Amino acid sequence: MTSWGLAAVAYHLFSRIAYAGGVGLLLQRQERAQVFTRVAGIEAGFQRFRRIASLLMNNDAVSFALLCVATRRFSNPLAQPPVVLTAGVFLVVVGVSIKLWAARTLGAQAYYWYDFFSPGAARLPDPPGPYRYFRNPMYTVGYAHAYGIALLAGSSIGLGAAAFDQCAILAFHLLVERPHLRHILATRNPAR
């Protein structure tokens, strides 16, 4: 691997850890100590958090794209076998479609974890849309696009990074989101 490829891998690993870990820590601090809303209020605190989360999320996406380009097997992506190109396009379409559907179903605020700032705004137990069919469409089927991008680039390292990214976001879900949702459910239904 070239030094450019190694740098891209390091940049992406740092970016994914900053995104999944950093957003997770910020949300946990908000839940425990209202670090964003204590002084500024719910809306201003949420907007401040959203700017930080967007920066981390967008940086992560850019770093993944750079990793796939820096570690691609072919200088011309169209030189790959047609079956690989078809599979890559299919996965991108499926992943992006599921993410858009889920984001539209949840709404812009929920996409950025608004329920950590206003627990009463949480949509429980199950919103419509892809959540009817998948337990967690954003973090499961919604990650198909990452594998598709890696296939289109011809980057086996990109495929590994997509798997790492998905594991990191699923860990974020298990360690941050799920306990928060259980707390909200327990608060709404104290008899349970």
N, C-alpha and C. Protein backbone atom coordinates (compact mmCIF):
# COMPACT_ATOMS: atom_id res chain seq x y z
N MET A 1 0.85 -1.18 0.00
CA MET A 1 0.00 0.00 0.00
C MET A 1 0.90 1.24 0.00
N THR A 2 0.46 2.24 -0.73
CA THR A 2 1.23 3.48 -0.82
C THR A 2 1.11 4.29 0.48
N SER A 3 1.98 5.26 0.62
CA SER A 3 1.89 6.13 1.80
C SER A 3 0.59 6.93 1.77
N TRP A 4 0.11 7.28 0.56
CA TRP A 4 -1.17 7.95 0.41
C TRP A 4 -2.30 7.05 0.91
N GLY A 5 -2.23 5.77 0.59
CA GLY A 5 -3.23 4.82 1.05
C GLY A 5 -3.21 4.66 2.56
N LEU A 6 -2.01 4.55 3.14
CA LEU A 6 -1.89 4.45 4.60
C LEU A 6 -2.43 5.69 5.29
N ALA A 7 -2.13 6.85 4.74
CA ALA A 7 -2.63 8.10 5.32
C ALA A 7 -4.16 8.14 5.25
N ALA A 8 -4.72 7.68 4.13
CA ALA A 8 -6.17 7.67 3.98
C ALA A 8 -6.83 6.70 4.97
N VAL A 9 -6.21 5.56 5.19
CA VAL A 9 -6.73 4.59 6.16
C VAL A 9 -6.69 5.20 7.57
N ALA A 10 -5.57 5.80 7.94
CA ALA A 10 -5.45 6.41 9.27
C ALA A 10 -6.46 7.54 9.45
N TYR A 11 -6.59 8.38 8.43
CA TYR A 11 -7.55 9.49 8.48
C TYR A 11 -8.97 8.96 8.66
N HIS A 12 -9.31 7.91 7.92
CA HIS A 12 -10.66 7.38 8.04
C HIS A 12 -10.91 6.74 9.40
N LEU A 13 -9.95 5.96 9.90
CA LEU A 13 -10.14 5.35 11.22
C LEU A 13 -10.34 6.43 12.28
N PHE A 14 -9.52 7.46 12.23
CA PHE A 14 -9.67 8.57 13.16
C PHE A 14 -11.04 9.23 13.01
N SER A 15 -11.46 9.44 11.76
CA SER A 15 -12.75 10.09 11.50
C SER A 15 -13.92 9.25 12.00
N ARG A 16 -13.88 7.94 11.79
CA ARG A 16 -14.98 7.08 12.24
C ARG A 16 -15.05 7.03 13.76
N ILE A 17 -13.90 6.94 14.40
CA ILE A 17 -13.88 6.93 15.87
C ILE A 17 -14.36 8.28 16.41
N ALA A 18 -13.96 9.37 15.76
CA ALA A 18 -14.43 10.70 16.18
C ALA A 18 -15.93 10.82 16.00
N TYR A 19 -16.45 10.28 14.90
CA TYR A 19 -17.89 10.36 14.64
C TYR A 19 -18.67 9.49 15.62
N ALA A 20 -18.45 8.18 15.59
CA ALA A 20 -19.24 7.28 16.43
C ALA A 20 -18.94 7.50 17.92
N GLY A 21 -17.66 7.61 18.25
CA GLY A 21 -17.29 7.81 19.65
C GLY A 21 -17.59 9.21 20.15
N GLY A 22 -17.25 10.21 19.33
CA GLY A 22 -17.46 11.60 19.76
C GLY A 22 -18.93 11.94 19.90
N VAL A 23 -19.74 11.57 18.92
CA VAL A 23 -21.17 11.84 19.02
C VAL A 23 -21.76 11.07 20.20
N GLY A 24 -21.32 9.83 20.38
CA GLY A 24 -21.80 9.03 21.51
C GLY A 24 -21.49 9.68 22.84
N LEU A 25 -20.26 10.15 23.02
CA LEU A 25 -19.89 10.82 24.27
C LEU A 25 -20.69 12.11 24.48
N LEU A 26 -20.85 12.88 23.42
CA LEU A 26 -21.62 14.13 23.54
C LEU A 26 -23.07 13.85 23.91
N LEU A 27 -23.66 12.84 23.30
CA LEU A 27 -25.05 12.51 23.63
C LEU A 27 -25.18 12.00 25.07
N GLN A 28 -24.23 11.19 25.50
CA GLN A 28 -24.27 10.72 26.89
C GLN A 28 -24.11 11.88 27.87
N ARG A 29 -23.23 12.82 27.55
CA ARG A 29 -23.07 14.00 28.42
C ARG A 29 -24.33 14.84 28.43
N GLN A 30 -24.99 14.96 27.29
CA GLN A 30 -26.26 15.69 27.22
C GLN A 30 -27.31 15.00 28.09
N GLU A 31 -27.38 13.69 27.97
CA GLU A 31 -28.39 12.96 28.73
C GLU A 31 -28.14 13.06 30.24
N ARG A 32 -26.90 12.99 30.65
CA ARG A 32 -26.57 12.99 32.08
C ARG A 32 -26.54 14.38 32.69
N ALA A 33 -25.98 15.35 31.94
CA ALA A 33 -25.76 16.67 32.54
C ALA A 33 -26.31 17.84 31.73
N GLN A 34 -27.05 17.55 30.67
CA GLN A 34 -27.63 18.59 29.81
C GLN A 34 -26.58 19.64 29.42
N VAL A 35 -25.41 19.20 28.97
CA VAL A 35 -24.32 20.12 28.64
C VAL A 35 -24.65 21.09 27.52
N PHE A 36 -25.55 20.71 26.64
CA PHE A 36 -25.90 21.61 25.53
C PHE A 36 -27.10 22.48 25.87
N THR A 37 -28.02 21.96 26.65
CA THR A 37 -29.29 22.66 26.88
C THR A 37 -29.37 23.40 28.20
N ARG A 38 -28.48 23.13 29.12
CA ARG A 38 -28.55 23.73 30.46
C ARG A 38 -28.61 25.25 30.40
N VAL A 39 -27.77 25.86 29.61
CA VAL A 39 -27.72 27.32 29.51
C VAL A 39 -28.51 27.83 28.31
N ALA A 40 -28.37 27.17 27.18
CA ALA A 40 -28.92 27.68 25.93
C ALA A 40 -30.38 27.31 25.69
N GLY A 41 -30.89 26.30 26.37
CA GLY A 41 -32.24 25.82 26.11
C GLY A 41 -32.22 24.70 25.08
N ILE A 42 -33.38 24.07 24.92
CA ILE A 42 -33.46 22.87 24.06
C ILE A 42 -33.11 23.17 22.61
N GLU A 43 -33.76 24.14 22.00
CA GLU A 43 -33.55 24.37 20.56
C GLU A 43 -32.13 24.85 20.24
N ALA A 44 -31.66 25.83 20.99
CA ALA A 44 -30.30 26.35 20.74
C ALA A 44 -29.25 25.28 21.05
N GLY A 45 -29.47 24.52 22.12
CA GLY A 45 -28.53 23.46 22.47
C GLY A 45 -28.50 22.37 21.41
N PHE A 46 -29.69 22.02 20.93
CA PHE A 46 -29.77 21.00 19.87
C PHE A 46 -29.08 21.49 18.60
N GLN A 47 -29.29 22.73 18.22
CA GLN A 47 -28.66 23.26 17.00
C GLN A 47 -27.14 23.26 17.13
N ARG A 48 -26.64 23.58 18.31
CA ARG A 48 -25.18 23.55 18.53
C ARG A 48 -24.66 22.13 18.38
N PHE A 49 -25.33 21.18 19.02
CA PHE A 49 -24.93 19.78 18.89
C PHE A 49 -25.01 19.33 17.42
N ARG A 50 -26.09 19.70 16.75
CA ARG A 50 -26.29 19.27 15.36
C ARG A 50 -25.15 19.77 14.47
N ARG A 51 -24.68 20.98 14.68
CA ARG A 51 -23.55 21.49 13.88
C ARG A 51 -22.30 20.63 14.10
N ILE A 52 -22.04 20.27 15.35
CA ILE A 52 -20.87 19.43 15.66
C ILE A 52 -21.05 18.04 15.04
N ALA A 53 -22.23 17.44 15.24
CA ALA A 53 -22.48 16.10 14.70
C ALA A 53 -22.40 16.10 13.17
N SER A 54 -22.94 17.13 12.54
CA SER A 54 -22.88 17.22 11.06
C SER A 54 -21.44 17.30 10.59
N LEU A 55 -20.64 18.09 11.26
CA LEU A 55 -19.23 18.20 10.90
C LEU A 55 -18.53 16.85 11.00
N LEU A 56 -18.75 16.15 12.10
CA LEU A 56 -18.13 14.83 12.28
C LEU A 56 -18.66 13.82 11.27
N MET A 57 -19.97 13.84 11.01
CA MET A 57 -20.59 12.91 10.07
C MET A 57 -20.09 13.15 8.64
N ASN A 58 -20.06 14.40 8.23
CA ASN A 58 -19.61 14.73 6.88
C ASN A 58 -18.13 14.44 6.69
N ASN A 59 -17.32 14.73 7.70
CA ASN A 59 -15.90 14.43 7.64
C ASN A 59 -15.69 12.92 7.51
N ASP A 60 -16.48 12.14 8.22
CA ASP A 60 -16.39 10.69 8.14
C ASP A 60 -16.70 10.20 6.73
N ALA A 61 -17.75 10.76 6.12
CA ALA A 61 -18.12 10.35 4.75
C ALA A 61 -17.01 10.70 3.76
N VAL A 62 -16.45 11.88 3.89
CA VAL A 62 -15.36 12.30 2.99
C VAL A 62 -14.14 11.39 3.19
N SER A 63 -13.83 11.07 4.43
CA SER A 63 -12.66 10.22 4.69
C SER A 63 -12.85 8.82 4.12
N PHE A 64 -14.09 8.31 4.14
CA PHE A 64 -14.35 6.99 3.55
C PHE A 64 -14.16 7.03 2.03
N ALA A 65 -14.68 8.07 1.41
CA ALA A 65 -14.52 8.21 -0.05
C ALA A 65 -13.03 8.31 -0.42
N LEU A 66 -12.28 9.10 0.34
CA LEU A 66 -10.84 9.22 0.08
C LEU A 66 -10.12 7.89 0.27
N LEU A 67 -10.50 7.15 1.30
CA LEU A 67 -9.90 5.84 1.52
C LEU A 67 -10.15 4.93 0.32
N CYS A 68 -11.38 4.91 -0.17
CA CYS A 68 -11.70 4.05 -1.32
C CYS A 68 -10.92 4.47 -2.57
N VAL A 69 -10.78 5.76 -2.78
CA VAL A 69 -10.01 6.24 -3.95
C VAL A 69 -8.53 5.91 -3.78
N ALA A 70 -8.00 6.13 -2.58
CA ALA A 70 -6.56 5.92 -2.35
C ALA A 70 -6.17 4.45 -2.38
N THR A 71 -7.13 3.56 -2.14
CA THR A 71 -6.79 2.13 -2.09
C THR A 71 -7.46 1.34 -3.22
N ARG A 72 -7.90 2.03 -4.25
CA ARG A 72 -8.59 1.35 -5.36
C ARG A 72 -7.61 0.47 -6.13
N ARG A 73 -8.17 -0.56 -6.70
CA ARG A 73 -7.37 -1.53 -7.45
C ARG A 73 -7.13 -1.07 -8.88
N PHE A 74 -8.09 -0.37 -9.45
CA PHE A 74 -8.00 0.04 -10.85
C PHE A 74 -7.97 1.56 -10.93
N SER A 75 -7.18 2.10 -11.84
CA SER A 75 -7.21 3.55 -12.03
C SER A 75 -8.50 3.97 -12.72
N ASN A 76 -9.08 3.06 -13.52
CA ASN A 76 -10.36 3.31 -14.17
C ASN A 76 -11.39 2.35 -13.56
N PRO A 77 -12.33 2.87 -12.75
CA PRO A 77 -13.30 1.98 -12.10
C PRO A 77 -14.11 1.15 -13.10
N LEU A 78 -14.29 1.62 -14.32
CA LEU A 78 -15.07 0.87 -15.30
C LEU A 78 -14.31 -0.34 -15.84
N ALA A 79 -13.04 -0.49 -15.47
CA ALA A 79 -12.25 -1.64 -15.91
C ALA A 79 -12.60 -2.89 -15.10
N GLN A 80 -13.42 -2.76 -14.10
CA GLN A 80 -13.80 -3.91 -13.28
C GLN A 80 -14.80 -4.78 -14.02
N PRO A 81 -14.92 -6.04 -13.61
CA PRO A 81 -15.92 -6.92 -14.22
C PRO A 81 -17.33 -6.34 -14.07
N PRO A 82 -18.17 -6.50 -15.07
CA PRO A 82 -19.53 -5.94 -15.02
C PRO A 82 -20.34 -6.40 -13.81
N VAL A 83 -20.14 -7.65 -13.37
CA VAL A 83 -20.90 -8.13 -12.22
C VAL A 83 -20.53 -7.34 -10.95
N VAL A 84 -19.27 -6.95 -10.82
CA VAL A 84 -18.84 -6.17 -9.66
C VAL A 84 -19.43 -4.76 -9.74
N LEU A 85 -19.39 -4.17 -10.92
CA LEU A 85 -19.99 -2.83 -11.10
C LEU A 85 -21.48 -2.86 -10.82
N THR A 86 -22.16 -3.87 -11.33
CA THR A 86 -23.61 -3.99 -11.11
C THR A 86 -23.92 -4.16 -9.63
N ALA A 87 -23.16 -5.03 -8.96
CA ALA A 87 -23.37 -5.24 -7.52
C ALA A 87 -23.11 -3.95 -6.75
N GLY A 88 -22.06 -3.22 -7.13
CA GLY A 88 -21.74 -1.96 -6.45
C GLY A 88 -22.84 -0.93 -6.60
N VAL A 89 -23.33 -0.77 -7.83
CA VAL A 89 -24.42 0.19 -8.07
C VAL A 89 -25.67 -0.23 -7.31
N PHE A 90 -25.99 -1.53 -7.34
CA PHE A 90 -27.16 -2.03 -6.63
C PHE A 90 -27.06 -1.73 -5.14
N LEU A 91 -25.91 -2.00 -4.54
CA LEU A 91 -25.74 -1.75 -3.10
C LEU A 91 -25.84 -0.27 -2.77
N VAL A 92 -25.27 0.58 -3.62
CA VAL A 92 -25.37 2.03 -3.39
C VAL A 92 -26.83 2.47 -3.44
N VAL A 93 -27.56 2.02 -4.44
CA VAL A 93 -28.97 2.41 -4.59
C VAL A 93 -29.79 1.91 -3.39
N VAL A 94 -29.58 0.66 -2.99
CA VAL A 94 -30.32 0.11 -1.85
C VAL A 94 -29.98 0.88 -0.57
N GLY A 95 -28.70 1.06 -0.29
CA GLY A 95 -28.29 1.73 0.95
C GLY A 95 -28.78 3.17 1.03
N VAL A 96 -28.60 3.92 -0.04
CA VAL A 96 -29.03 5.32 -0.05
C VAL A 96 -30.56 5.41 0.03
N SER A 97 -31.25 4.53 -0.68
CA SER A 97 -32.72 4.55 -0.64
C SER A 97 -33.25 4.27 0.76
N ILE A 98 -32.69 3.28 1.43
CA ILE A 98 -33.12 2.95 2.79
C ILE A 98 -32.82 4.10 3.74
N LYS A 99 -31.62 4.68 3.62
CA LYS A 99 -31.27 5.81 4.50
C LYS A 99 -32.22 6.99 4.27
N LEU A 100 -32.50 7.31 3.02
CA LEU A 100 -33.41 8.43 2.73
C LEU A 100 -34.81 8.14 3.24
N TRP A 101 -35.28 6.92 3.03
CA TRP A 101 -36.61 6.53 3.49
C TRP A 101 -36.69 6.62 5.02
N ALA A 102 -35.68 6.08 5.69
CA ALA A 102 -35.66 6.11 7.16
C ALA A 102 -35.56 7.55 7.67
N ALA A 103 -34.70 8.35 7.06
CA ALA A 103 -34.54 9.74 7.50
C ALA A 103 -35.83 10.53 7.28
N ARG A 104 -36.49 10.30 6.14
CA ARG A 104 -37.76 10.99 5.89
C ARG A 104 -38.83 10.53 6.87
N THR A 105 -38.83 9.26 7.20
CA THR A 105 -39.81 8.72 8.14
C THR A 105 -39.61 9.31 9.53
N LEU A 106 -38.36 9.39 9.96
CA LEU A 106 -38.06 9.90 11.30
C LEU A 106 -38.16 11.42 11.39
N GLY A 107 -37.80 12.09 10.33
CA GLY A 107 -37.74 13.54 10.35
C GLY A 107 -36.32 14.01 10.64
N ALA A 108 -36.04 15.24 10.26
CA ALA A 108 -34.68 15.78 10.38
C ALA A 108 -34.18 15.81 11.82
N GLN A 109 -35.06 16.14 12.74
CA GLN A 109 -34.61 16.24 14.12
C GLN A 109 -34.21 14.87 14.68
N ALA A 110 -35.01 13.85 14.42
CA ALA A 110 -34.70 12.52 14.94
C ALA A 110 -33.42 11.98 14.32
N TYR A 111 -33.16 12.36 13.07
CA TYR A 111 -31.95 11.91 12.39
C TYR A 111 -30.71 12.36 13.17
N TYR A 112 -30.84 13.48 13.88
CA TYR A 112 -29.73 14.00 14.69
C TYR A 112 -29.98 13.80 16.18
N TRP A 113 -30.71 12.77 16.56
CA TRP A 113 -30.89 12.38 17.96
C TRP A 113 -31.56 13.46 18.82
N TYR A 114 -32.59 14.09 18.29
CA TYR A 114 -33.29 15.15 19.00
C TYR A 114 -33.87 14.67 20.33
N ASP A 115 -34.23 13.40 20.42
CA ASP A 115 -34.83 12.90 21.66
C ASP A 115 -33.87 12.94 22.85
N PHE A 116 -32.58 13.12 22.63
CA PHE A 116 -31.65 13.32 23.74
C PHE A 116 -31.81 14.73 24.32
N PHE A 117 -32.37 15.62 23.54
CA PHE A 117 -32.54 17.01 23.96
C PHE A 117 -33.96 17.28 24.44
N SER A 118 -34.89 16.55 23.88
CA SER A 118 -36.30 16.66 24.26
C SER A 118 -36.88 15.25 24.26
N PRO A 119 -36.73 14.51 25.38
CA PRO A 119 -37.17 13.11 25.41
C PRO A 119 -38.63 12.90 25.03
N GLY A 120 -39.47 13.88 25.26
CA GLY A 120 -40.88 13.75 24.90
C GLY A 120 -41.10 13.70 23.40
N ALA A 121 -40.10 14.09 22.62
CA ALA A 121 -40.22 14.09 21.16
C ALA A 121 -39.93 12.73 20.53
N ALA A 122 -39.48 11.78 21.33
CA ALA A 122 -39.14 10.45 20.79
C ALA A 122 -40.37 9.79 20.21
N ARG A 123 -40.20 9.18 19.04
CA ARG A 123 -41.30 8.48 18.37
C ARG A 123 -41.20 7.00 18.73
N LEU A 124 -42.10 6.57 19.60
CA LEU A 124 -42.09 5.19 20.05
C LEU A 124 -43.48 4.60 19.92
N PRO A 125 -43.59 3.28 19.85
CA PRO A 125 -42.52 2.31 19.81
C PRO A 125 -41.92 2.13 18.42
N ASP A 126 -42.74 2.18 17.35
CA ASP A 126 -42.21 1.95 16.01
C ASP A 126 -42.81 2.95 15.04
N PRO A 127 -41.98 3.79 14.44
CA PRO A 127 -42.51 4.67 13.39
C PRO A 127 -42.78 3.85 12.14
N PRO A 128 -43.56 4.38 11.22
CA PRO A 128 -43.83 3.65 9.98
C PRO A 128 -42.60 3.64 9.07
N GLY A 129 -42.79 3.25 7.85
CA GLY A 129 -41.69 3.24 6.88
C GLY A 129 -40.85 1.99 7.02
N PRO A 130 -39.54 2.09 6.80
CA PRO A 130 -38.70 0.89 6.81
C PRO A 130 -38.60 0.26 8.19
N TYR A 131 -38.95 1.00 9.24
CA TYR A 131 -38.90 0.45 10.59
C TYR A 131 -39.95 -0.64 10.80
N ARG A 132 -40.94 -0.68 9.92
CA ARG A 132 -41.91 -1.76 9.95
C ARG A 132 -41.27 -3.08 9.56
N TYR A 133 -40.24 -3.01 8.70
CA TYR A 133 -39.64 -4.21 8.13
C TYR A 133 -38.27 -4.56 8.71
N PHE A 134 -37.56 -3.56 9.19
CA PHE A 134 -36.21 -3.77 9.72
C PHE A 134 -36.12 -3.17 11.11
N ARG A 135 -35.44 -3.84 11.99
CA ARG A 135 -35.30 -3.35 13.36
C ARG A 135 -34.52 -2.03 13.39
N ASN A 136 -33.46 -1.94 12.62
CA ASN A 136 -32.67 -0.73 12.58
C ASN A 136 -32.18 -0.50 11.15
N PRO A 137 -33.04 0.02 10.27
CA PRO A 137 -32.66 0.13 8.86
C PRO A 137 -31.49 1.07 8.59
N MET A 138 -31.33 2.12 9.38
CA MET A 138 -30.23 3.07 9.14
C MET A 138 -28.86 2.41 9.31
N TYR A 139 -28.73 1.56 10.29
CA TYR A 139 -27.42 0.99 10.63
C TYR A 139 -27.21 -0.41 10.08
N THR A 140 -28.25 -1.02 9.51
CA THR A 140 -28.09 -2.37 8.95
C THR A 140 -28.12 -2.27 7.43
N VAL A 141 -29.28 -2.40 6.82
CA VAL A 141 -29.40 -2.35 5.36
C VAL A 141 -28.94 -0.99 4.82
N GLY A 142 -29.13 0.05 5.62
CA GLY A 142 -28.73 1.40 5.20
C GLY A 142 -27.23 1.57 5.01
N TYR A 143 -26.44 0.61 5.44
CA TYR A 143 -24.99 0.68 5.23
C TYR A 143 -24.56 -0.02 3.95
N ALA A 144 -25.50 -0.54 3.18
CA ALA A 144 -25.16 -1.23 1.93
C ALA A 144 -24.41 -0.31 0.98
N HIS A 145 -24.71 0.98 1.02
CA HIS A 145 -24.05 1.92 0.11
C HIS A 145 -22.54 1.96 0.33
N ALA A 146 -22.10 1.81 1.56
CA ALA A 146 -20.65 1.85 1.85
C ALA A 146 -19.95 0.68 1.17
N TYR A 147 -20.55 -0.50 1.24
CA TYR A 147 -19.98 -1.66 0.57
C TYR A 147 -20.01 -1.46 -0.95
N GLY A 148 -21.08 -0.86 -1.44
CA GLY A 148 -21.19 -0.59 -2.87
C GLY A 148 -20.13 0.38 -3.36
N ILE A 149 -19.87 1.42 -2.60
CA ILE A 149 -18.83 2.39 -2.97
C ILE A 149 -17.47 1.71 -3.02
N ALA A 150 -17.20 0.87 -2.03
CA ALA A 150 -15.92 0.14 -2.00
C ALA A 150 -15.81 -0.80 -3.21
N LEU A 151 -16.90 -1.47 -3.55
CA LEU A 151 -16.88 -2.35 -4.74
C LEU A 151 -16.65 -1.54 -6.01
N LEU A 152 -17.34 -0.42 -6.14
CA LEU A 152 -17.17 0.41 -7.34
C LEU A 152 -15.74 0.93 -7.46
N ALA A 153 -15.10 1.20 -6.34
CA ALA A 153 -13.71 1.66 -6.36
C ALA A 153 -12.74 0.50 -6.54
N GLY A 154 -13.23 -0.72 -6.34
CA GLY A 154 -12.32 -1.87 -6.41
C GLY A 154 -11.37 -1.88 -5.24
N SER A 155 -11.87 -1.49 -4.07
CA SER A 155 -11.02 -1.38 -2.88
C SER A 155 -11.39 -2.42 -1.84
N SER A 156 -10.54 -3.43 -1.70
CA SER A 156 -10.79 -4.43 -0.65
C SER A 156 -10.59 -3.80 0.73
N ILE A 157 -9.70 -2.85 0.82
CA ILE A 157 -9.53 -2.13 2.09
C ILE A 157 -10.79 -1.32 2.38
N GLY A 158 -11.41 -0.78 1.35
CA GLY A 158 -12.68 -0.07 1.51
C GLY A 158 -13.77 -0.99 2.03
N LEU A 159 -13.80 -2.24 1.55
CA LEU A 159 -14.78 -3.21 2.06
C LEU A 159 -14.55 -3.47 3.54
N GLY A 160 -13.29 -3.60 3.93
CA GLY A 160 -12.97 -3.77 5.35
C GLY A 160 -13.35 -2.55 6.17
N ALA A 161 -13.12 -1.37 5.60
CA ALA A 161 -13.48 -0.14 6.30
C ALA A 161 -15.00 -0.02 6.43
N ALA A 162 -15.74 -0.45 5.41
CA ALA A 162 -17.21 -0.43 5.49
C ALA A 162 -17.69 -1.34 6.62
N ALA A 163 -17.08 -2.51 6.74
CA ALA A 163 -17.45 -3.43 7.82
C ALA A 163 -17.09 -2.82 9.18
N PHE A 164 -15.92 -2.22 9.29
CA PHE A 164 -15.52 -1.56 10.53
C PHE A 164 -16.50 -0.43 10.88
N ASP A 165 -16.86 0.36 9.87
CA ASP A 165 -17.78 1.48 10.08
C ASP A 165 -19.13 0.98 10.58
N GLN A 166 -19.61 -0.08 9.98
CA GLN A 166 -20.91 -0.61 10.39
C GLN A 166 -20.83 -1.17 11.81
N CYS A 167 -19.76 -1.85 12.14
CA CYS A 167 -19.59 -2.36 13.51
C CYS A 167 -19.53 -1.21 14.51
N ALA A 168 -18.84 -0.13 14.14
CA ALA A 168 -18.72 1.02 15.04
C ALA A 168 -20.07 1.68 15.28
N ILE A 169 -20.88 1.81 14.23
CA ILE A 169 -22.18 2.46 14.41
C ILE A 169 -23.16 1.54 15.14
N LEU A 170 -23.04 0.24 14.95
CA LEU A 170 -23.87 -0.69 15.71
C LEU A 170 -23.47 -0.69 17.19
N ALA A 171 -22.18 -0.56 17.47
CA ALA A 171 -21.73 -0.43 18.87
C ALA A 171 -22.29 0.86 19.47
N PHE A 172 -22.25 1.95 18.70
CA PHE A 172 -22.84 3.21 19.14
C PHE A 172 -24.32 3.00 19.47
N HIS A 173 -25.02 2.28 18.62
CA HIS A 173 -26.44 2.01 18.87
C HIS A 173 -26.63 1.24 20.18
N LEU A 174 -25.83 0.19 20.36
CA LEU A 174 -25.98 -0.66 21.55
C LEU A 174 -25.58 0.07 22.84
N LEU A 175 -24.54 0.89 22.77
CA LEU A 175 -24.02 1.54 23.97
C LEU A 175 -24.64 2.89 24.29
N VAL A 176 -25.17 3.57 23.29
CA VAL A 176 -25.69 4.92 23.50
C VAL A 176 -27.19 5.01 23.25
N GLU A 177 -27.61 4.64 22.05
CA GLU A 177 -29.02 4.82 21.69
C GLU A 177 -29.96 3.87 22.43
N ARG A 178 -29.63 2.61 22.45
CA ARG A 178 -30.54 1.63 23.07
C ARG A 178 -30.76 1.92 24.55
N PRO A 179 -29.72 2.17 25.36
CA PRO A 179 -29.99 2.50 26.77
C PRO A 179 -30.84 3.76 26.91
N HIS A 180 -30.62 4.74 26.04
CA HIS A 180 -31.42 5.96 26.09
C HIS A 180 -32.89 5.66 25.79
N LEU A 181 -33.15 4.86 24.76
CA LEU A 181 -34.53 4.52 24.42
C LEU A 181 -35.19 3.69 25.52
N ARG A 182 -34.44 2.80 26.14
CA ARG A 182 -34.99 2.03 27.27
C ARG A 182 -35.37 2.96 28.42
N HIS A 183 -34.53 3.95 28.66
CA HIS A 183 -34.81 4.93 29.72
C HIS A 183 -36.09 5.71 29.39
N ILE A 184 -36.23 6.12 28.14
CA ILE A 184 -37.44 6.84 27.73
C ILE A 184 -38.67 5.96 27.91
N LEU A 185 -38.58 4.71 27.49
CA LEU A 185 -39.71 3.78 27.64
C LEU A 185 -40.05 3.57 29.10
N ALA A 186 -39.04 3.41 29.94
CA ALA A 186 -39.29 3.22 31.37
C ALA A 186 -39.94 4.44 31.99
N THR A 187 -39.55 5.63 31.53
CA THR A 187 -40.13 6.86 32.04
C THR A 187 -41.59 7.01 31.60
N ARG A 188 -41.87 6.63 30.37
CA ARG A 188 -43.24 6.74 29.84
C ARG A 188 -44.17 5.67 30.41
N ASN A 189 -43.61 4.50 30.67
CA ASN A 189 -44.41 3.38 31.17
C ASN A 189 -43.80 2.87 32.47
N PRO A 190 -43.94 3.60 33.58
CA PRO A 190 -43.28 3.21 34.83
C PRO A 190 -43.71 1.85 35.37
N ALA A 191 -44.87 1.36 35.00
CA ALA A 191 -45.34 0.06 35.50
C ALA A 191 -44.59 -1.11 34.88
N ARG A 192 -43.96 -0.89 33.74
CA ARG A 192 -43.24 -1.97 33.05
C ARG A 192 -41.98 -2.33 33.74
